[in-house]
Amino acid sequence: MINTTTPEPLTVREICTAANLTQSALAARFGIPQRTVENWCSGSRACAPYIRRMMMECLGLLER
């Protein structure tokens, strides 16, 4: 679990690792195009912090 007081959410790559999901599985879980997740993980595109926090919350990676 990660403390919710953490100012910046994990990167998408870190979220995949923490949730033990592949990029493909993360994309399918949230209905996001796989290419978008690949771009976020490679750093060629940025994922908004609120989206990363939502993914972390939905995957149970945030402490309450």
C-alpha atoms as a PDB file:
ATOM      1  CA  MET A   1       0.000   0.000   0.000  1.00  0.00           C
ATOM      2  CA  ILE A   2       1.067   3.536  -0.708  1.00  0.00           C
ATOM      3  CA  ASN A   3       0.250   6.429   1.575  1.00  0.00           C
ATOM      4  CA  THR A   4      -2.365   8.820   0.101  1.00  0.00           C
ATOM      5  CA  THR A   5      -0.376  11.788   1.356  1.00  0.00           C
ATOM      6  CA  THR A   6       2.237  11.074  -1.311  1.00  0.00           C
ATOM      7  CA  PRO A   7       2.208  14.314  -3.321  1.00  0.00           C
ATOM      8  CA  GLU A   8       2.836  12.723  -6.715  1.00  0.00           C
ATOM      9  CA  PRO A   9       1.199   9.454  -7.815  1.00  0.00           C
ATOM     10  CA  LEU A  10       3.319   6.610  -9.157  1.00  0.00           C
ATOM     11  CA  THR A  11       4.251   6.504 -12.828  1.00  0.00           C
ATOM     12  CA  VAL A  12       2.188   4.211 -15.040  1.00  0.00           C
ATOM     13  CA  ARG A  13       5.143   1.823 -15.248  1.00  0.00           C
ATOM     14  CA  GLU A  14       5.357   1.751 -11.446  1.00  0.00           C
ATOM     15  CA  ILE A  15       1.600   1.176 -11.213  1.00  0.00           C
ATOM     16  CA  CYS A  16       1.895  -1.828 -13.546  1.00  0.00           C
ATOM     17  CA  THR A  17       4.716  -3.235 -11.449  1.00  0.00           C
ATOM     18  CA  ALA A  18       2.998  -2.607  -8.099  1.00  0.00           C
ATOM     19  CA  ALA A  19      -0.245  -4.186  -9.329  1.00  0.00           C
ATOM     20  CA  ASN A  20       1.597  -7.050 -11.045  1.00  0.00           C
ATOM     21  CA  LEU A  21      -0.066  -6.198 -14.372  1.00  0.00           C
ATOM     22  CA  THR A  22       1.302  -6.093 -17.881  1.00  0.00           C
ATOM     23  CA  GLN A  23       0.749  -2.951 -19.925  1.00  0.00           C
ATOM     24  CA  SER A  24      -1.808  -4.884 -21.947  1.00  0.00           C
ATOM     25  CA  ALA A  25      -3.662  -6.017 -18.819  1.00  0.00           C
ATOM     26  CA  LEU A  26      -3.706  -2.483 -17.397  1.00  0.00           C
ATOM     27  CA  ALA A  27      -5.066  -1.147 -20.698  1.00  0.00           C
ATOM     28  CA  ALA A  28      -7.803  -3.785 -20.772  1.00  0.00           C
ATOM     29  CA  ARG A  29      -8.720  -3.253 -17.110  1.00  0.00           C
ATOM     30  CA  PHE A  30      -9.386   0.466 -17.643  1.00  0.00           C
ATOM     31  CA  GLY A  31     -10.526   0.448 -21.279  1.00  0.00           C
ATOM     32  CA  ILE A  32      -7.528   2.479 -22.416  1.00  0.00           C
ATOM     33  CA  PRO A  33      -5.905   1.828 -25.804  1.00  0.00           C
ATOM     34  CA  GLN A  34      -2.796  -0.311 -25.352  1.00  0.00           C
ATOM     35  CA  ARG A  35      -0.742   2.136 -27.427  1.00  0.00           C
ATOM     36  CA  THR A  36      -1.639   4.917 -24.978  1.00  0.00           C
ATOM     37  CA  VAL A  37      -0.394   2.859 -22.036  1.00  0.00           C
ATOM     38  CA  GLU A  38       2.776   2.006 -23.981  1.00  0.00           C
ATOM     39  CA  ASN A  39       3.361   5.723 -24.625  1.00  0.00           C
ATOM     40  CA  TRP A  40       2.849   6.529 -20.938  1.00  0.00           C
ATOM     41  CA  CYS A  41       5.259   3.787 -19.859  1.00  0.00           C
ATOM     42  CA  SER A  42       7.936   4.783 -22.362  1.00  0.00           C
ATOM     43  CA  GLY A  43       7.682   8.437 -21.397  1.00  0.00           C
ATOM     44  CA  SER A  44       6.806   9.644 -24.892  1.00  0.00           C
ATOM     45  CA  ARG A  45       3.466  10.921 -23.538  1.00  0.00           C
ATOM     46  CA  ALA A  46       2.483  12.045 -20.054  1.00  0.00           C
ATOM     47  CA  CYS A  47      -0.397  10.566 -18.108  1.00  0.00           C
ATOM     48  CA  ALA A  48      -2.243  13.148 -16.002  1.00  0.00           C
ATOM     49  CA  PRO A  49      -1.675  12.769 -12.259  1.00  0.00           C
ATOM     50  CA  TYR A  50      -5.418  12.471 -11.569  1.00  0.00           C
ATOM     51  CA  ILE A  51      -5.637   9.476 -13.932  1.00  0.00           C
ATOM     52  CA  ARG A  52      -2.663   7.784 -12.258  1.00  0.00           C
ATOM     53  CA  ARG A  53      -4.181   8.408  -8.823  1.00  0.00           C
ATOM     54  CA  MET A  54      -7.526   6.964 -10.014  1.00  0.00           C
ATOM     55  CA  MET A  55      -5.780   3.857 -11.335  1.00  0.00           C
ATOM     56  CA  MET A  56      -3.910   3.468  -8.051  1.00  0.00           C
ATOM     57  CA  GLU A  57      -7.134   3.827  -6.086  1.00  0.00           C
ATOM     58  CA  CYS A  58      -9.013   1.317  -8.247  1.00  0.00           C
ATOM     59  CA  LEU A  59      -6.159  -1.187  -7.970  1.00  0.00           C
ATOM     60  CA  GLY A  60      -5.979  -0.886  -4.190  1.00  0.00           C
ATOM     61  CA  LEU A  61      -2.552   0.737  -4.168  1.00  0.00           C
ATOM     62  CA  LEU A  62      -3.522   3.653  -1.910  1.00  0.00           C
ATOM     63  CA  GLU A  63      -3.854   3.522   1.853  1.00  0.00           C
ATOM     64  CA  ARG A  64      -6.932   5.120   3.327  1.00  0.00           C
END
